[in-house]
Amino acid sequence: LVCGLAATFAQMAFNMQSDIPNLGASGAIAGVLGA
């Protein structure tokens, strides 16, 4: 869950004004790959 949150905030940091819905387990799973 922490990896998923970090991924969401990382994506948001580069486009804070986006109205595009962000969805998917990719960020959390990327954390699993990092571990």
PDB file of all heavy atoms in Angstrom:
ATOM      1  N   LEU A   1       0.824  -1.204   0.000  1.00  0.00           N
ATOM      2  CA  LEU A   1       0.000   0.000   0.000  1.00  0.00           C
ATOM      3  C   LEU A   1       0.862   1.261   0.000  1.00  0.00           C
ATOM      4  O   LEU A   1       0.551   2.240  -0.699  1.00  0.00           O
ATOM      5  CB  LEU A   1      -0.939  -0.005   1.198  1.00  0.00           C
ATOM      6  CG  LEU A   1      -2.009  -1.107   1.206  1.00  0.00           C
ATOM      7  CD1 LEU A   1      -2.794  -1.076   2.510  1.00  0.00           C
ATOM      8  CD2 LEU A   1      -2.950  -0.965   0.010  1.00  0.00           C
ATOM      9  N   VAL A   2       1.947   1.244   0.758  1.00  0.00           N
ATOM     10  CA  VAL A   2       2.850   2.406   0.789  1.00  0.00           C
ATOM     11  C   VAL A   2       3.465   2.639  -0.583  1.00  0.00           C
ATOM     12  O   VAL A   2       3.565   3.788  -1.051  1.00  0.00           O
ATOM     13  CB  VAL A   2       3.945   2.218   1.856  1.00  0.00           C
ATOM     14  CG1 VAL A   2       5.032   3.286   1.715  1.00  0.00           C
ATOM     15  CG2 VAL A   2       3.337   2.279   3.249  1.00  0.00           C
ATOM     16  N   CYS A   3       3.868   1.570  -1.256  1.00  0.00           N
ATOM     17  CA  CYS A   3       4.424   1.706  -2.606  1.00  0.00           C
ATOM     18  C   CYS A   3       3.381   2.282  -3.561  1.00  0.00           C
ATOM     19  O   CYS A   3       3.699   3.122  -4.415  1.00  0.00           O
ATOM     20  CB  CYS A   3       4.918   0.357  -3.120  1.00  0.00           C
ATOM     21  SG  CYS A   3       6.410  -0.240  -2.322  1.00  0.00           S
ATOM     22  N   GLY A   4       2.134   1.832  -3.420  1.00  0.00           N
ATOM     23  CA  GLY A   4       1.072   2.360  -4.259  1.00  0.00           C
ATOM     24  C   GLY A   4       0.845   3.842  -4.032  1.00  0.00           C
ATOM     25  O   GLY A   4       0.653   4.615  -4.979  1.00  0.00           O
ATOM     26  N   LEU A   5       0.871   4.257  -2.766  1.00  0.00           N
ATOM     27  CA  LEU A   5       0.708   5.676  -2.452  1.00  0.00           C
ATOM     28  C   LEU A   5       1.861   6.500  -3.012  1.00  0.00           C
ATOM     29  O   LEU A   5       1.655   7.572  -3.592  1.00  0.00           O
ATOM     30  CB  LEU A   5       0.626   5.859  -0.930  1.00  0.00           C
ATOM     31  CG  LEU A   5      -0.637   5.328  -0.244  1.00  0.00           C
ATOM     32  CD1 LEU A   5      -0.488   5.441   1.270  1.00  0.00           C
ATOM     33  CD2 LEU A   5      -1.872   6.073  -0.724  1.00  0.00           C
ATOM     34  N   ALA A   6       3.078   6.006  -2.834  1.00  0.00           N
ATOM     35  CA  ALA A   6       4.251   6.715  -3.352  1.00  0.00           C
ATOM     36  C   ALA A   6       4.174   6.864  -4.863  1.00  0.00           C
ATOM     37  O   ALA A   6       4.526   7.909  -5.422  1.00  0.00           O
ATOM     38  CB  ALA A   6       5.525   5.975  -2.948  1.00  0.00           C
ATOM     39  N   ALA A   7       3.716   5.818  -5.523  1.00  0.00           N
ATOM     40  CA  ALA A   7       3.587   5.861  -6.982  1.00  0.00           C
ATOM     41  C   ALA A   7       2.576   6.911  -7.410  1.00  0.00           C
ATOM     42  O   ALA A   7       2.806   7.664  -8.367  1.00  0.00           O
ATOM     43  CB  ALA A   7       3.169   4.481  -7.489  1.00  0.00           C
ATOM     44  N   THR A   8       1.458   6.968  -6.714  1.00  0.00           N
ATOM     45  CA  THR A   8       0.418   7.949  -7.041  1.00  0.00           C
ATOM     46  C   THR A   8       0.937   9.364  -6.877  1.00  0.00           C
ATOM     47  O   THR A   8       0.735  10.224  -7.750  1.00  0.00           O
ATOM     48  CB  THR A   8      -0.814   7.732  -6.143  1.00  0.00           C
ATOM     49  OG1 THR A   8      -1.373   6.445  -6.420  1.00  0.00           O
ATOM     50  CG2 THR A   8      -1.870   8.804  -6.400  1.00  0.00           C
ATOM     51  N   PHE A   9       1.617   9.640  -5.783  1.00  0.00           N
ATOM     52  CA  PHE A   9       2.131  10.985  -5.543  1.00  0.00           C
ATOM     53  C   PHE A   9       3.260  11.337  -6.507  1.00  0.00           C
ATOM     54  O   PHE A   9       3.414  12.499  -6.890  1.00  0.00           O
ATOM     55  CB  PHE A   9       2.584  11.126  -4.090  1.00  0.00           C
ATOM     56  CG  PHE A   9       1.445  11.229  -3.115  1.00  0.00           C
ATOM     57  CD1 PHE A   9       1.327  10.334  -2.064  1.00  0.00           C
ATOM     58  CD2 PHE A   9       0.477  12.202  -3.259  1.00  0.00           C
ATOM     59  CE1 PHE A   9       0.274  10.423  -1.168  1.00  0.00           C
ATOM     60  CE2 PHE A   9      -0.582  12.307  -2.367  1.00  0.00           C
ATOM     61  CZ  PHE A   9      -0.688  11.411  -1.313  1.00  0.00           C
ATOM     62  N   ALA A  10       4.050  10.343  -6.900  1.00  0.00           N
ATOM     63  CA  ALA A  10       5.107  10.604  -7.888  1.00  0.00           C
ATOM     64  C   ALA A  10       4.505  11.024  -9.217  1.00  0.00           C
ATOM     65  O   ALA A  10       4.986  11.960  -9.868  1.00  0.00           O
ATOM     66  CB  ALA A  10       5.973   9.351  -8.062  1.00  0.00           C
ATOM     67  N   GLN A  11       3.447  10.332  -9.634  1.00  0.00           N
ATOM     68  CA  GLN A  11       2.785  10.690 -10.879  1.00  0.00           C
ATOM     69  C   GLN A  11       2.139  12.066 -10.776  1.00  0.00           C
ATOM     70  O   GLN A  11       2.234  12.888 -11.692  1.00  0.00           O
ATOM     71  CB  GLN A  11       1.731   9.635 -11.234  1.00  0.00           C
ATOM     72  CG  GLN A  11       1.047   9.843 -12.571  1.00  0.00           C
ATOM     73  CD  GLN A  11       1.980   9.643 -13.753  1.00  0.00           C
ATOM     74  OE1 GLN A  11       2.960   8.908 -13.675  1.00  0.00           O
ATOM     75  NE2 GLN A  11       1.686  10.320 -14.860  1.00  0.00           N
ATOM     76  N   MET A  12       1.494  12.336  -9.652  1.00  0.00           N
ATOM     77  CA  MET A  12       0.828  13.624  -9.466  1.00  0.00           C
ATOM     78  C   MET A  12       1.820  14.783  -9.476  1.00  0.00           C
ATOM     79  O   MET A  12       1.512  15.872  -9.975  1.00  0.00           O
ATOM     80  CB  MET A  12       0.047  13.623  -8.149  1.00  0.00           C
ATOM     81  CG  MET A  12      -0.747  14.900  -7.910  1.00  0.00           C
ATOM     82  SD  MET A  12      -1.643  14.895  -6.331  1.00  0.00           S
ATOM     83  CE  MET A  12      -0.278  15.064  -5.165  1.00  0.00           C
ATOM     84  N   ALA A  13       3.012  14.557  -8.932  1.00  0.00           N
ATOM     85  CA  ALA A  13       4.003  15.617  -8.825  1.00  0.00           C
ATOM     86  C   ALA A  13       4.378  16.190 -10.181  1.00  0.00           C
ATOM     87  O   ALA A  13       4.782  17.356 -10.282  1.00  0.00           O
ATOM     88  CB  ALA A  13       5.253  15.091  -8.117  1.00  0.00           C
ATOM     89  N   PHE A  14       4.240  15.378 -11.241  1.00  0.00           N
ATOM     90  CA  PHE A  14       4.630  15.839 -12.568  1.00  0.00           C
ATOM     91  C   PHE A  14       3.453  16.377 -13.381  1.00  0.00           C
ATOM     92  O   PHE A  14       3.642  16.841 -14.496  1.00  0.00           O
ATOM     93  CB  PHE A  14       5.320  14.700 -13.328  1.00  0.00           C
ATOM     94  CG  PHE A  14       6.717  14.441 -12.849  1.00  0.00           C
ATOM     95  CD1 PHE A  14       6.951  13.578 -11.804  1.00  0.00           C
ATOM     96  CD2 PHE A  14       7.796  15.098 -13.412  1.00  0.00           C
ATOM     97  CE1 PHE A  14       8.237  13.349 -11.332  1.00  0.00           C
ATOM     98  CE2 PHE A  14       9.086  14.884 -12.958  1.00  0.00           C
ATOM     99  CZ  PHE A  14       9.305  14.007 -11.917  1.00  0.00           C
ATOM    100  N   ASN A  15       2.231  16.299 -12.823  1.00  0.00           N
ATOM    101  CA  ASN A  15       1.078  16.855 -13.535  1.00  0.00           C
ATOM    102  C   ASN A  15      -0.050  17.102 -12.529  1.00  0.00           C
ATOM    103  O   ASN A  15      -1.061  16.407 -12.528  1.00  0.00           O
ATOM    104  CB  ASN A  15       0.616  15.897 -14.633  1.00  0.00           C
ATOM    105  CG  ASN A  15      -0.246  16.595 -15.672  1.00  0.00           C
ATOM    106  OD1 ASN A  15      -0.661  17.738 -15.472  1.00  0.00           O
ATOM    107  ND2 ASN A  15      -0.516  15.919 -16.771  1.00  0.00           N
ATOM    108  N   MET A  16       0.135  18.124 -11.702  1.00  0.00           N
ATOM    109  CA  MET A  16      -0.807  18.373 -10.623  1.00  0.00           C
ATOM    110  C   MET A  16      -2.168  18.863 -11.102  1.00  0.00           C
ATOM    111  O   MET A  16      -3.160  18.727 -10.385  1.00  0.00           O
ATOM    112  CB  MET A  16      -0.210  19.392  -9.638  1.00  0.00           C
ATOM    113  CG  MET A  16       0.986  18.883  -8.875  1.00  0.00           C
ATOM    114  SD  MET A  16       1.510  20.069  -7.612  1.00  0.00           S
ATOM    115  CE  MET A  16       2.854  19.156  -6.837  1.00  0.00           C
ATOM    116  N   GLN A  17      -2.216  19.441 -12.264  1.00  0.00           N
ATOM    117  CA  GLN A  17      -3.468  20.002 -12.759  1.00  0.00           C
ATOM    118  C   GLN A  17      -4.215  19.057 -13.694  1.00  0.00           C
ATOM    119  O   GLN A  17      -5.194  19.456 -14.343  1.00  0.00           O
ATOM    120  CB  GLN A  17      -3.187  21.327 -13.474  1.00  0.00           C
ATOM    121  CG  GLN A  17      -2.585  22.401 -12.577  1.00  0.00           C
ATOM    122  CD  GLN A  17      -3.434  22.649 -11.343  1.00  0.00           C
ATOM    123  OE1 GLN A  17      -4.641  22.859 -11.436  1.00  0.00           O
ATOM    124  NE2 GLN A  17      -2.810  22.618 -10.170  1.00  0.00           N
ATOM    125  N   SER A  18      -3.800  17.809 -13.750  1.00  0.00           N
ATOM    126  CA  SER A  18      -4.429  16.859 -14.652  1.00  0.00           C
ATOM    127  C   SER A  18      -5.832  16.489 -14.187  1.00  0.00           C
ATOM    128  O   SER A  18      -6.081  16.285 -12.997  1.00  0.00           O
ATOM    129  CB  SER A  18      -3.579  15.590 -14.766  1.00  0.00           C
ATOM    130  OG  SER A  18      -4.246  14.627 -15.555  1.00  0.00           O
ATOM    131  N   ASP A  19      -6.743  16.390 -15.144  1.00  0.00           N
ATOM    132  CA  ASP A  19      -8.096  15.908 -14.890  1.00  0.00           C
ATOM    133  C   ASP A  19      -8.271  14.464 -15.357  1.00  0.00           C
ATOM    134  O   ASP A  19      -9.375  13.930 -15.343  1.00  0.00           O
ATOM    135  CB  ASP A  19      -9.128  16.784 -15.605  1.00  0.00           C
ATOM    136  CG  ASP A  19      -9.256  18.147 -14.939  1.00  0.00           C
ATOM    137  OD1 ASP A  19      -9.335  18.183 -13.696  1.00  0.00           O
ATOM    138  OD2 ASP A  19      -9.275  19.167 -15.655  1.00  0.00           O
ATOM    139  N   ILE A  20      -7.168  13.831 -15.781  1.00  0.00           N
ATOM    140  CA  ILE A  20      -7.222  12.450 -16.251  1.00  0.00           C
ATOM    141  C   ILE A  20      -7.262  11.495 -15.058  1.00  0.00           C
ATOM    142  O   ILE A  20      -6.410  11.568 -14.169  1.00  0.00           O
ATOM    143  CB  ILE A  20      -5.996  12.114 -17.126  1.00  0.00           C
ATOM    144  CG1 ILE A  20      -5.920  13.050 -18.329  1.00  0.00           C
ATOM    145  CG2 ILE A  20      -6.032  10.657 -17.575  1.00  0.00           C
ATOM    146  CD1 ILE A  20      -7.083  12.917 -19.280  1.00  0.00           C
ATOM    147  N   PRO A  21      -8.242  10.596 -14.998  1.00  0.00           N
ATOM    148  CA  PRO A  21      -8.280   9.630 -13.891  1.00  0.00           C
ATOM    149  C   PRO A  21      -7.059   8.713 -13.923  1.00  0.00           C
ATOM    150  O   PRO A  21      -6.708   8.164 -14.963  1.00  0.00           O
ATOM    151  CB  PRO A  21      -9.566   8.837 -14.162  1.00  0.00           C
ATOM    152  CG  PRO A  21     -10.411   9.732 -15.012  1.00  0.00           C
ATOM    153  CD  PRO A  21      -9.429  10.487 -15.866  1.00  0.00           C
ATOM    154  N   ASN A  22      -6.400   8.589 -12.773  1.00  0.00           N
ATOM    155  CA  ASN A  22      -5.280   7.661 -12.622  1.00  0.00           C
ATOM    156  C   ASN A  22      -5.783   6.397 -11.945  1.00  0.00           C
ATOM    157  O   ASN A  22      -6.419   6.463 -10.892  1.00  0.00           O
ATOM    158  CB  ASN A  22      -4.166   8.281 -11.769  1.00  0.00           C
ATOM    159  CG  ASN A  22      -3.491   9.453 -12.454  1.00  0.00           C
ATOM    160  OD1 ASN A  22      -3.677   9.684 -13.636  1.00  0.00           O
ATOM    161  ND2 ASN A  22      -2.729  10.213 -11.698  1.00  0.00           N
ATOM    162  N   LEU A  23      -5.488   5.252 -12.524  1.00  0.00           N
ATOM    163  CA  LEU A  23      -5.952   3.995 -11.945  1.00  0.00           C
ATOM    164  C   LEU A  23      -5.006   2.877 -12.323  1.00  0.00           C
ATOM    165  O   LEU A  23      -4.320   2.950 -13.338  1.00  0.00           O
ATOM    166  CB  LEU A  23      -7.377   3.668 -12.411  1.00  0.00           C
ATOM    167  CG  LEU A  23      -7.628   3.265 -13.867  1.00  0.00           C
ATOM    168  CD1 LEU A  23      -9.046   2.716 -14.009  1.00  0.00           C
ATOM    169  CD2 LEU A  23      -7.466   4.423 -14.850  1.00  0.00           C
ATOM    170  N   GLY A  24      -4.969   1.848 -11.474  1.00  0.00           N
ATOM    171  CA  GLY A  24      -4.138   0.694 -11.767  1.00  0.00           C
ATOM    172  C   GLY A  24      -3.247   0.294 -10.609  1.00  0.00           C
ATOM    173  O   GLY A  24      -2.872   1.130  -9.780  1.00  0.00           O
ATOM    174  N   ALA A  25      -2.905  -0.982 -10.576  1.00  0.00           N
ATOM    175  CA  ALA A  25      -2.033  -1.523  -9.540  1.00  0.00           C
ATOM    176  C   ALA A  25      -0.560  -1.426  -9.919  1.00  0.00           C
ATOM    177  O   ALA A  25       0.302  -1.860  -9.162  1.00  0.00           O
ATOM    178  CB  ALA A  25      -2.398  -2.991  -9.277  1.00  0.00           C
ATOM    179  N   SER A  26      -0.274  -0.827 -11.071  1.00  0.00           N
ATOM    180  CA  SER A  26       1.092  -0.846 -11.596  1.00  0.00           C
ATOM    181  C   SER A  26       2.113  -0.244 -10.643  1.00  0.00           C
ATOM    182  O   SER A  26       3.226  -0.756 -10.507  1.00  0.00           O
ATOM    183  CB  SER A  26       1.146  -0.105 -12.942  1.00  0.00           C
ATOM    184  OG  SER A  26       0.215  -0.621 -13.851  1.00  0.00           O
ATOM    185  N   GLY A  27       1.765   0.878  -9.997  1.00  0.00           N
ATOM    186  CA  GLY A  27       2.719   1.523  -9.110  1.00  0.00           C
ATOM    187  C   GLY A  27       3.066   0.670  -7.909  1.00  0.00           C
ATOM    188  O   GLY A  27       4.235   0.548  -7.533  1.00  0.00           O
ATOM    189  N   ALA A  28       2.044   0.066  -7.290  1.00  0.00           N
ATOM    190  CA  ALA A  28       2.289  -0.806  -6.143  1.00  0.00           C
ATOM    191  C   ALA A  28       3.090  -2.034  -6.562  1.00  0.00           C
ATOM    192  O   ALA A  28       4.008  -2.473  -5.845  1.00  0.00           O
ATOM    193  CB  ALA A  28       0.963  -1.227  -5.513  1.00  0.00           C
ATOM    194  N   ILE A  29       2.757  -2.587  -7.720  1.00  0.00           N
ATOM    195  CA  ILE A  29       3.466  -3.770  -8.211  1.00  0.00           C
ATOM    196  C   ILE A  29       4.901  -3.412  -8.587  1.00  0.00           C
ATOM    197  O   ILE A  29       5.827  -4.214  -8.398  1.00  0.00           O
ATOM    198  CB  ILE A  29       2.710  -4.395  -9.391  1.00  0.00           C
ATOM    199  CG1 ILE A  29       1.355  -4.920  -8.898  1.00  0.00           C
ATOM    200  CG2 ILE A  29       3.517  -5.522 -10.036  1.00  0.00           C
ATOM    201  CD1 ILE A  29       0.413  -5.354  -9.996  1.00  0.00           C
ATOM    202  N   ALA A  30       5.111  -2.194  -9.083  1.00  0.00           N
ATOM    203  CA  ALA A  30       6.478  -1.740  -9.360  1.00  0.00           C
ATOM    204  C   ALA A  30       7.292  -1.744  -8.073  1.00  0.00           C
ATOM    205  O   ALA A  30       8.493  -2.049  -8.078  1.00  0.00           O
ATOM    206  CB  ALA A  30       6.458  -0.344  -9.978  1.00  0.00           C
ATOM    207  N   GLY A  31       6.642  -1.413  -6.943  1.00  0.00           N
ATOM    208  CA  GLY A  31       7.322  -1.499  -5.658  1.00  0.00           C
ATOM    209  C   GLY A  31       7.730  -2.919  -5.326  1.00  0.00           C
ATOM    210  O   GLY A  31       8.817  -3.161  -4.792  1.00  0.00           O
ATOM    211  N   VAL A  32       6.870  -3.872  -5.647  1.00  0.00           N
ATOM    212  CA  VAL A  32       7.192  -5.291  -5.450  1.00  0.00           C
ATOM    213  C   VAL A  32       8.415  -5.666  -6.291  1.00  0.00           C
ATOM    214  O   VAL A  32       9.307  -6.386  -5.827  1.00  0.00           O
ATOM    215  CB  VAL A  32       5.986  -6.168  -5.821  1.00  0.00           C
ATOM    216  CG1 VAL A  32       6.366  -7.653  -5.795  1.00  0.00           C
ATOM    217  CG2 VAL A  32       4.820  -5.901  -4.872  1.00  0.00           C
ATOM    218  N   LEU A  33       8.469  -5.168  -7.516  1.00  0.00           N
ATOM    219  CA  LEU A  33       9.616  -5.458  -8.381  1.00  0.00           C
ATOM    220  C   LEU A  33      10.893  -4.846  -7.825  1.00  0.00           C
ATOM    221  O   LEU A  33      11.968  -5.456  -7.898  1.00  0.00           O
ATOM    222  CB  LEU A  33       9.367  -4.922  -9.795  1.00  0.00           C
ATOM    223  CG  LEU A  33       8.107  -5.411 -10.517  1.00  0.00           C
ATOM    224  CD1 LEU A  33       8.084  -4.898 -11.953  1.00  0.00           C
ATOM    225  CD2 LEU A  33       7.999  -6.927 -10.482  1.00  0.00           C
ATOM    226  N   GLY A  34      10.774  -3.636  -7.257  1.00  0.00           N
ATOM    227  CA  GLY A  34      11.941  -3.001  -6.650  1.00  0.00           C
ATOM    228  C   GLY A  34      12.485  -3.810  -5.490  1.00  0.00           C
ATOM    229  O   GLY A  34      13.703  -3.942  -5.320  1.00  0.00           O
ATOM    230  N   ALA A  35      11.578  -4.367  -4.675  1.00  0.00           N
ATOM    231  CA  ALA A  35      12.015  -5.209  -3.564  1.00  0.00           C
ATOM    232  C   ALA A  35      12.603  -6.521  -4.065  1.00  0.00           C
ATOM    233  O   ALA A  35      13.616  -7.008  -3.542  1.00  0.00           O
ATOM    234  CB  ALA A  35      10.833  -5.488  -2.632  1.00  0.00           C
TER     235      ALA A  35
END
